[in-house]
Amino acid sequence: MRITCKSLALLFFTMIGFTSAQAQTAAFTMSIDGFGDGDDIPVRFSQAAEGALPGGGTSPAIRWENAPAGTQSFVVNMMDLDFAPNRGTRTQVHWVVWNVPGSAMGLDGNQPQGDSLPNGASQISATGRVYRGPGAGASGPKHHYLFEVYALDTTVSVMASDDPIATRDAVLAAMEGHVLGKSVYMGMFRRPQ
């Protein structure tokens, strides 16, 4: 009788654990090809890369998984947390991409410049309608470059203006109340000596 009770108790707790694990959803996460979260960003993705235009660079491939149910679009926001343009309180706009289709699993590397990307998403940076790679000076400390991806239950009706900070502010304001999930990734960079 004891064995039967122990067996039943074990079976019961195993079933509860299995049900609890099934009930938990996997986390919405992002990764970036070429460097780990918190690691140094390779020069090839920066303004210091060979052949990079001033304020340019080659965008890395960004991937995400386990997007929340109901996702209609994604927004990617990259910023330099250690630089305050115009001596203000807001961060440098390195890349904002909005209205990435909800079916997307990321952004391929080496995205072209222009008002829209091949997937139909819009983009802007402090350089214009293009990815702006990290560019922290060689003589100072490494800068922290934050990449964010947001999963939204809608698309964002924002037209890019000539002011990248105002455009980013408009995108973020339009996202309010529509964020289903968010994931972040950090990279460090300073120009080689």
Protein backbone atom coordinates (compact mmCIF):
# COMPACT_ATOMS: atom_id res chain seq x y z
CA MET A 1 0.00 0.00 0.00
CA ARG A 2 2.83 2.39 0.82
CA ILE A 3 4.46 1.83 -2.54
CA THR A 4 1.21 2.55 -4.32
CA CYS A 5 0.71 5.83 -2.41
CA LYS A 6 4.27 6.93 -3.11
CA SER A 7 3.88 6.02 -6.76
CA LEU A 8 0.63 7.94 -6.99
CA ALA A 9 2.16 10.95 -5.22
CA LEU A 10 5.16 10.90 -7.56
CA LEU A 11 2.89 10.65 -10.59
CA PHE A 12 0.74 13.51 -9.29
CA PHE A 13 3.70 15.86 -8.70
CA THR A 14 5.24 14.93 -12.04
CA MET A 15 1.99 15.81 -13.79
CA ILE A 16 1.74 19.14 -11.95
CA GLY A 17 5.33 20.01 -12.92
CA PHE A 18 4.67 19.08 -16.56
CA THR A 19 1.48 21.14 -16.65
CA SER A 20 3.23 24.14 -15.06
CA ALA A 21 6.07 23.93 -17.58
CA GLN A 22 3.57 23.79 -20.44
CA ALA A 23 1.70 26.81 -19.07
CA GLN A 24 4.84 28.95 -19.08
CA THR A 25 5.54 30.58 -22.41
CA ALA A 26 9.05 30.87 -23.77
CA ALA A 27 10.66 34.28 -23.39
CA PHE A 28 10.76 36.74 -26.29
CA THR A 29 14.50 37.02 -26.95
CA MET A 30 16.84 38.58 -29.47
CA SER A 31 20.36 37.80 -30.60
CA ILE A 32 22.83 39.51 -32.90
CA ASP A 33 25.15 37.60 -35.19
CA GLY A 34 28.82 38.35 -34.60
CA PHE A 35 28.92 39.26 -30.90
CA GLY A 36 27.40 38.14 -27.63
CA ASP A 37 25.16 40.16 -25.34
CA GLY A 38 27.44 42.54 -23.40
CA ASP A 39 30.46 41.86 -25.63
CA ASP A 40 32.43 44.17 -27.91
CA ILE A 41 30.84 45.02 -31.25
CA PRO A 42 33.17 44.00 -34.10
CA VAL A 43 34.65 46.86 -36.14
CA ARG A 44 32.91 45.53 -39.28
CA PHE A 45 29.56 46.79 -37.89
CA SER A 46 30.94 50.24 -37.04
CA GLN A 47 31.74 53.58 -38.65
CA ALA A 48 35.43 52.62 -38.35
CA ALA A 49 35.09 49.65 -40.73
CA GLU A 50 37.17 49.70 -43.87
CA GLY A 51 35.19 51.41 -46.62
CA ALA A 52 32.44 52.68 -44.27
CA LEU A 53 31.08 56.10 -45.08
CA PRO A 54 31.15 58.74 -42.32
CA GLY A 55 28.23 57.98 -40.04
CA GLY A 56 27.65 54.68 -41.84
CA GLY A 57 28.55 51.06 -41.33
CA THR A 58 27.18 47.63 -42.07
CA SER A 59 24.20 46.53 -39.98
CA PRO A 60 24.49 43.18 -38.22
CA ALA A 61 21.92 40.41 -38.61
CA ILE A 62 19.42 40.60 -35.76
CA ARG A 63 17.25 37.63 -34.84
CA TRP A 64 14.39 37.19 -32.40
CA GLU A 65 12.27 34.27 -31.33
CA ASN A 66 9.14 33.49 -29.36
CA ALA A 67 7.29 36.64 -30.38
CA PRO A 68 4.08 37.05 -28.37
CA ALA A 69 0.82 35.86 -29.90
CA GLY A 70 -0.96 38.63 -31.78
CA THR A 71 2.21 40.42 -32.91
CA GLN A 72 1.45 42.59 -35.94
CA SER A 73 4.78 44.40 -36.27
CA PHE A 74 8.20 44.91 -34.68
CA VAL A 75 10.24 48.01 -33.90
CA VAL A 76 14.04 47.90 -33.56
CA ASN A 77 15.72 50.76 -31.71
CA MET A 78 19.52 51.11 -31.45
CA MET A 79 21.06 53.90 -29.42
CA ASP A 80 24.35 55.04 -27.88
CA LEU A 81 23.64 55.34 -24.17
CA ASP A 82 26.84 57.33 -23.55
CA PHE A 83 26.34 60.19 -26.00
CA ALA A 84 23.91 63.09 -25.59
CA PRO A 85 23.44 64.96 -28.88
CA ASN A 86 22.99 68.72 -28.68
CA ARG A 87 23.96 68.58 -24.97
CA GLY A 88 20.49 67.24 -24.23
CA THR A 89 19.03 64.41 -22.21
CA ARG A 90 18.12 62.04 -25.05
CA THR A 91 20.41 59.43 -26.57
CA GLN A 92 21.95 59.29 -30.03
CA VAL A 93 19.72 57.71 -32.67
CA HIS A 94 21.77 54.99 -34.32
CA TRP A 95 18.94 53.11 -35.97
CA VAL A 96 15.18 52.99 -35.61
CA VAL A 97 13.31 50.51 -37.82
CA TRP A 98 9.53 50.39 -37.52
CA ASN A 99 6.73 48.36 -39.11
CA VAL A 100 8.86 45.26 -39.54
CA PRO A 101 6.20 42.66 -40.50
CA GLY A 102 4.84 40.58 -37.63
CA SER A 103 5.82 37.38 -39.46
CA ALA A 104 9.53 38.38 -39.50
CA MET A 105 12.06 36.50 -37.38
CA GLY A 106 14.62 39.32 -37.56
CA LEU A 107 16.51 41.63 -39.88
CA ASP A 108 19.21 40.43 -42.26
CA GLY A 109 22.63 42.02 -42.06
CA ASN A 110 23.81 44.75 -44.43
CA GLN A 111 20.45 46.49 -44.79
CA PRO A 112 20.36 49.08 -47.60
CA GLN A 113 19.84 52.79 -47.11
CA GLY A 114 16.55 54.38 -48.10
CA ASP A 115 13.16 55.33 -46.72
CA SER A 116 12.07 51.70 -46.60
CA LEU A 117 13.75 48.32 -46.32
CA PRO A 118 13.05 45.33 -48.61
CA ASN A 119 10.50 44.03 -46.04
CA GLY A 120 8.57 47.33 -46.19
CA ALA A 121 9.78 48.67 -42.83
CA SER A 122 10.82 52.32 -42.41
CA GLN A 123 14.18 53.39 -40.97
CA ILE A 124 16.05 56.44 -39.70
CA SER A 125 19.26 57.34 -37.87
CA ALA A 126 21.27 60.45 -37.06
CA THR A 127 22.93 59.97 -40.47
CA GLY A 128 19.67 59.75 -42.43
CA ARG A 129 17.64 56.83 -43.78
CA VAL A 130 20.39 54.31 -43.03
CA TYR A 131 22.00 52.25 -40.24
CA ARG A 132 24.53 54.31 -38.28
CA GLY A 133 27.20 52.06 -36.82
CA PRO A 134 28.92 52.64 -33.48
CA GLY A 135 31.54 55.37 -33.63
CA ALA A 136 32.83 56.12 -30.12
CA GLY A 137 36.27 57.76 -30.18
CA ALA A 138 39.47 55.78 -29.59
CA SER A 139 40.67 58.05 -26.81
CA GLY A 140 37.68 57.66 -24.50
CA PRO A 141 35.91 54.81 -22.75
CA LYS A 142 33.87 52.19 -24.56
CA HIS A 143 30.30 53.25 -25.23
CA HIS A 144 27.24 51.14 -24.47
CA TYR A 145 25.09 50.49 -27.54
CA LEU A 146 21.64 49.23 -26.69
CA PHE A 147 19.56 47.29 -29.20
CA GLU A 148 15.85 46.92 -28.39
CA VAL A 149 13.17 44.99 -30.23
CA TYR A 150 9.49 45.55 -29.46
CA ALA A 151 6.63 43.30 -30.52
CA LEU A 152 3.47 45.35 -31.16
CA ASP A 153 -0.19 44.48 -31.61
CA THR A 154 -0.44 47.08 -34.41
CA THR A 155 1.61 48.93 -37.00
CA VAL A 156 2.92 52.45 -36.40
CA SER A 157 1.64 55.37 -38.50
CA VAL A 158 4.70 57.63 -38.42
CA MET A 159 6.43 59.33 -41.33
CA ALA A 160 10.16 59.99 -40.97
CA SER A 161 11.10 63.66 -40.65
CA ASP A 162 14.47 65.36 -41.06
CA ASP A 163 14.88 65.25 -37.26
CA PRO A 164 15.80 61.68 -36.23
CA ILE A 165 15.24 62.33 -32.51
CA ALA A 166 11.76 63.73 -33.18
CA THR A 167 11.01 60.77 -35.46
CA ARG A 168 12.15 58.27 -32.81
CA ASP A 169 10.06 60.10 -30.21
CA ALA A 170 7.02 59.89 -32.51
CA VAL A 171 7.54 56.15 -33.10
CA LEU A 172 7.90 55.48 -29.36
CA ALA A 173 4.82 57.59 -28.58
CA ALA A 174 2.77 55.72 -31.21
CA MET A 175 3.82 52.42 -29.60
CA GLU A 176 2.34 53.33 -26.21
CA GLY A 177 -0.33 50.84 -25.19
CA HIS A 178 0.58 48.44 -28.02
CA VAL A 179 3.73 46.69 -26.73
CA LEU A 180 3.21 42.95 -26.33
CA GLY A 181 6.85 42.15 -25.59
CA LYS A 182 10.35 43.61 -25.51
CA SER A 183 13.87 42.22 -25.62
CA VAL A 184 17.21 44.01 -25.29
CA TYR A 185 20.81 43.31 -26.26
CA MET A 186 23.93 45.30 -25.39
CA GLY A 187 27.18 45.83 -27.28
CA MET A 188 30.29 47.79 -26.36
CA PHE A 189 32.46 49.78 -28.75
CA ARG A 190 35.25 52.29 -29.16
CA ARG A 191 37.34 52.88 -32.25
CA PRO A 192 40.61 50.98 -32.50
CA GLN A 193 43.77 52.96 -31.65
